[in-house]
Amino acid sequence: MQITKIFLLLAVIAMLSGCATWRDVEGIKAPQSVKDGCEHKCSFYQNNQGAYTYEVCFKECMDSKGYSKY
């Protein structure tokens, strides 16, 4: 169980490290205002549920706005 938690933590750190950028289908970077909106929407999860749930919420929010990580 402890190894699973460590693996998930490392996976989340890798996702949040900024290796990829959010872009739309035309390759244009997502504006900071869109990222800020998703961060605000998912901030409840960041504070109360943990980083993994926050990352899932943030990804779904960005996907719904037409952006994906590249």
N, C-alpha and C. Protein backbone atom coordinates (compact mmCIF):
# COMPACT_ATOMS: atom_id res chain seq x y z
N MET A 1 0.82 -1.19 0.00
CA MET A 1 0.00 0.00 0.00
C MET A 1 0.87 1.26 0.00
N GLN A 2 1.91 1.26 0.79
CA GLN A 2 2.81 2.41 0.87
C GLN A 2 3.50 2.65 -0.47
N ILE A 3 3.88 1.58 -1.16
CA ILE A 3 4.55 1.72 -2.45
C ILE A 3 3.61 2.34 -3.47
N THR A 4 2.34 1.96 -3.41
CA THR A 4 1.35 2.52 -4.33
C THR A 4 1.21 4.03 -4.10
N LYS A 5 1.16 4.45 -2.86
CA LYS A 5 1.05 5.87 -2.56
C LYS A 5 2.27 6.63 -3.06
N ILE A 6 3.44 6.05 -2.88
CA ILE A 6 4.67 6.71 -3.36
C ILE A 6 4.66 6.81 -4.87
N PHE A 7 4.24 5.74 -5.55
CA PHE A 7 4.18 5.76 -7.01
C PHE A 7 3.20 6.83 -7.50
N LEU A 8 2.03 6.89 -6.88
CA LEU A 8 1.05 7.91 -7.28
C LEU A 8 1.57 9.32 -7.03
N LEU A 9 2.25 9.52 -5.92
CA LEU A 9 2.82 10.82 -5.62
C LEU A 9 3.86 11.22 -6.67
N LEU A 10 4.71 10.28 -7.04
CA LEU A 10 5.72 10.57 -8.07
C LEU A 10 5.07 10.84 -9.42
N ALA A 11 4.00 10.12 -9.73
CA ALA A 11 3.29 10.34 -10.99
C ALA A 11 2.67 11.74 -11.03
N VAL A 12 2.09 12.15 -9.91
CA VAL A 12 1.48 13.48 -9.83
C VAL A 12 2.56 14.55 -9.95
N ILE A 13 3.67 14.36 -9.29
CA ILE A 13 4.77 15.33 -9.39
C ILE A 13 5.25 15.45 -10.83
N ALA A 14 5.35 14.33 -11.51
CA ALA A 14 5.77 14.36 -12.91
C ALA A 14 4.75 15.10 -13.77
N MET A 15 3.45 14.90 -13.48
CA MET A 15 2.40 15.58 -14.25
C MET A 15 2.43 17.09 -14.01
N LEU A 16 2.72 17.47 -12.79
CA LEU A 16 2.70 18.89 -12.43
C LEU A 16 4.01 19.60 -12.70
N SER A 17 4.99 18.88 -13.18
CA SER A 17 6.32 19.47 -13.34
C SER A 17 6.41 20.46 -14.49
N GLY A 18 5.45 20.46 -15.37
CA GLY A 18 5.46 21.42 -16.46
C GLY A 18 6.22 20.96 -17.69
N CYS A 19 6.41 19.68 -17.83
CA CYS A 19 7.13 19.16 -19.00
C CYS A 19 6.34 19.40 -20.28
N ALA A 20 5.04 19.38 -20.19
CA ALA A 20 4.19 19.58 -21.34
C ALA A 20 3.40 20.87 -21.17
N THR A 21 2.91 21.40 -22.26
CA THR A 21 2.09 22.61 -22.21
C THR A 21 0.70 22.30 -22.74
N TRP A 22 -0.27 23.04 -22.29
CA TRP A 22 -1.64 22.88 -22.75
C TRP A 22 -1.80 23.64 -24.06
N ARG A 23 -2.27 22.95 -25.09
CA ARG A 23 -2.46 23.55 -26.41
C ARG A 23 -3.80 23.10 -26.99
N ASP A 24 -4.34 23.93 -27.91
CA ASP A 24 -5.56 23.53 -28.59
C ASP A 24 -5.21 22.71 -29.83
N VAL A 25 -6.21 22.37 -30.64
CA VAL A 25 -5.97 21.50 -31.80
C VAL A 25 -5.09 22.17 -32.85
N GLU A 26 -5.02 23.49 -32.84
CA GLU A 26 -4.19 24.22 -33.80
C GLU A 26 -2.78 24.45 -33.27
N GLY A 27 -2.51 24.03 -32.05
CA GLY A 27 -1.18 24.18 -31.47
C GLY A 27 -0.95 25.47 -30.72
N ILE A 28 -2.01 26.23 -30.50
CA ILE A 28 -1.89 27.49 -29.78
C ILE A 28 -1.95 27.22 -28.29
N LYS A 29 -1.02 27.83 -27.54
CA LYS A 29 -0.99 27.63 -26.09
C LYS A 29 -2.25 28.17 -25.43
N ALA A 30 -2.66 27.49 -24.37
CA ALA A 30 -3.82 27.94 -23.60
C ALA A 30 -3.47 29.24 -22.87
N PRO A 31 -4.35 30.23 -22.90
CA PRO A 31 -4.08 31.46 -22.17
C PRO A 31 -4.09 31.22 -20.66
N GLN A 32 -3.38 32.04 -19.95
CA GLN A 32 -3.29 31.90 -18.50
C GLN A 32 -4.66 32.04 -17.84
N SER A 33 -5.54 32.83 -18.43
CA SER A 33 -6.86 33.02 -17.84
C SER A 33 -7.66 31.72 -17.83
N VAL A 34 -7.50 30.89 -18.86
CA VAL A 34 -8.18 29.60 -18.91
C VAL A 34 -7.62 28.68 -17.83
N LYS A 35 -6.29 28.66 -17.70
CA LYS A 35 -5.66 27.84 -16.67
C LYS A 35 -6.10 28.29 -15.27
N ASP A 36 -6.14 29.60 -15.07
CA ASP A 36 -6.55 30.14 -13.77
C ASP A 36 -7.99 29.76 -13.45
N GLY A 37 -8.86 29.78 -14.47
CA GLY A 37 -10.26 29.40 -14.25
C GLY A 37 -10.39 27.95 -13.81
N CYS A 38 -9.61 27.07 -14.45
CA CYS A 38 -9.65 25.65 -14.07
C CYS A 38 -9.02 25.44 -12.70
N GLU A 39 -7.98 26.18 -12.40
CA GLU A 39 -7.37 26.07 -11.07
C GLU A 39 -8.36 26.51 -10.00
N HIS A 40 -9.09 27.58 -10.27
CA HIS A 40 -10.09 28.06 -9.31
C HIS A 40 -11.20 27.02 -9.13
N LYS A 41 -11.66 26.46 -10.25
CA LYS A 41 -12.73 25.46 -10.20
C LYS A 41 -12.31 24.23 -9.40
N CYS A 42 -11.05 23.82 -9.52
CA CYS A 42 -10.57 22.59 -8.89
C CYS A 42 -9.87 22.83 -7.57
N SER A 43 -9.84 24.05 -7.09
CA SER A 43 -9.10 24.35 -5.87
C SER A 43 -9.66 23.62 -4.66
N PHE A 44 -10.95 23.31 -4.65
CA PHE A 44 -11.52 22.54 -3.54
C PHE A 44 -10.81 21.19 -3.40
N TYR A 45 -10.56 20.54 -4.55
CA TYR A 45 -9.90 19.24 -4.51
C TYR A 45 -8.45 19.36 -4.06
N GLN A 46 -7.80 20.43 -4.48
CA GLN A 46 -6.40 20.62 -4.10
C GLN A 46 -6.27 20.76 -2.59
N ASN A 47 -7.21 21.44 -1.97
CA ASN A 47 -7.13 21.70 -0.54
C ASN A 47 -7.68 20.56 0.31
N ASN A 48 -8.66 19.82 -0.21
CA ASN A 48 -9.35 18.86 0.64
C ASN A 48 -9.19 17.40 0.22
N GLN A 49 -8.95 17.13 -1.05
CA GLN A 49 -8.95 15.75 -1.51
C GLN A 49 -7.58 15.23 -1.92
N GLY A 50 -6.62 16.10 -2.13
CA GLY A 50 -5.30 15.66 -2.51
C GLY A 50 -4.95 16.03 -3.94
N ALA A 51 -3.69 15.89 -4.25
CA ALA A 51 -3.17 16.32 -5.54
C ALA A 51 -3.69 15.48 -6.70
N TYR A 52 -3.87 14.18 -6.50
CA TYR A 52 -4.32 13.33 -7.60
C TYR A 52 -5.71 13.74 -8.07
N THR A 53 -6.64 13.96 -7.15
CA THR A 53 -7.99 14.36 -7.51
C THR A 53 -7.97 15.74 -8.17
N TYR A 54 -7.13 16.63 -7.69
CA TYR A 54 -7.00 17.95 -8.30
C TYR A 54 -6.53 17.82 -9.75
N GLU A 55 -5.53 16.98 -9.99
CA GLU A 55 -5.01 16.82 -11.35
C GLU A 55 -6.06 16.27 -12.29
N VAL A 56 -6.87 15.32 -11.82
CA VAL A 56 -7.95 14.76 -12.64
C VAL A 56 -8.96 15.86 -12.97
N CYS A 57 -9.35 16.63 -11.98
CA CYS A 57 -10.30 17.72 -12.19
C CYS A 57 -9.74 18.74 -13.18
N PHE A 58 -8.47 19.11 -12.99
CA PHE A 58 -7.86 20.12 -13.85
C PHE A 58 -7.79 19.62 -15.30
N LYS A 59 -7.41 18.36 -15.49
CA LYS A 59 -7.33 17.79 -16.84
C LYS A 59 -8.70 17.79 -17.50
N GLU A 60 -9.73 17.36 -16.78
CA GLU A 60 -11.08 17.34 -17.34
C GLU A 60 -11.56 18.74 -17.68
N CYS A 61 -11.23 19.72 -16.85
CA CYS A 61 -11.62 21.10 -17.11
C CYS A 61 -10.95 21.62 -18.39
N MET A 62 -9.64 21.39 -18.50
CA MET A 62 -8.92 21.85 -19.68
C MET A 62 -9.40 21.12 -20.94
N ASP A 63 -9.66 19.82 -20.84
CA ASP A 63 -10.18 19.06 -21.97
C ASP A 63 -11.52 19.61 -22.42
N SER A 64 -12.37 19.98 -21.46
CA SER A 64 -13.69 20.50 -21.80
C SER A 64 -13.60 21.85 -22.51
N LYS A 65 -12.51 22.56 -22.33
CA LYS A 65 -12.31 23.86 -22.98
C LYS A 65 -11.56 23.72 -24.30
N GLY A 66 -11.22 22.47 -24.68
CA GLY A 66 -10.60 22.22 -25.98
C GLY A 66 -9.09 22.21 -25.97
N TYR A 67 -8.47 22.06 -24.79
CA TYR A 67 -7.02 22.03 -24.69
C TYR A 67 -6.56 20.66 -24.23
N SER A 68 -5.39 20.27 -24.67
CA SER A 68 -4.79 19.02 -24.21
C SER A 68 -3.29 19.22 -24.04
N LYS A 69 -2.67 18.31 -23.29
CA LYS A 69 -1.24 18.44 -23.02
C LYS A 69 -0.44 17.88 -24.19
N TYR A 70 0.59 18.62 -24.58
CA TYR A 70 1.50 18.17 -25.63
C TYR A 70 2.91 18.24 -25.11
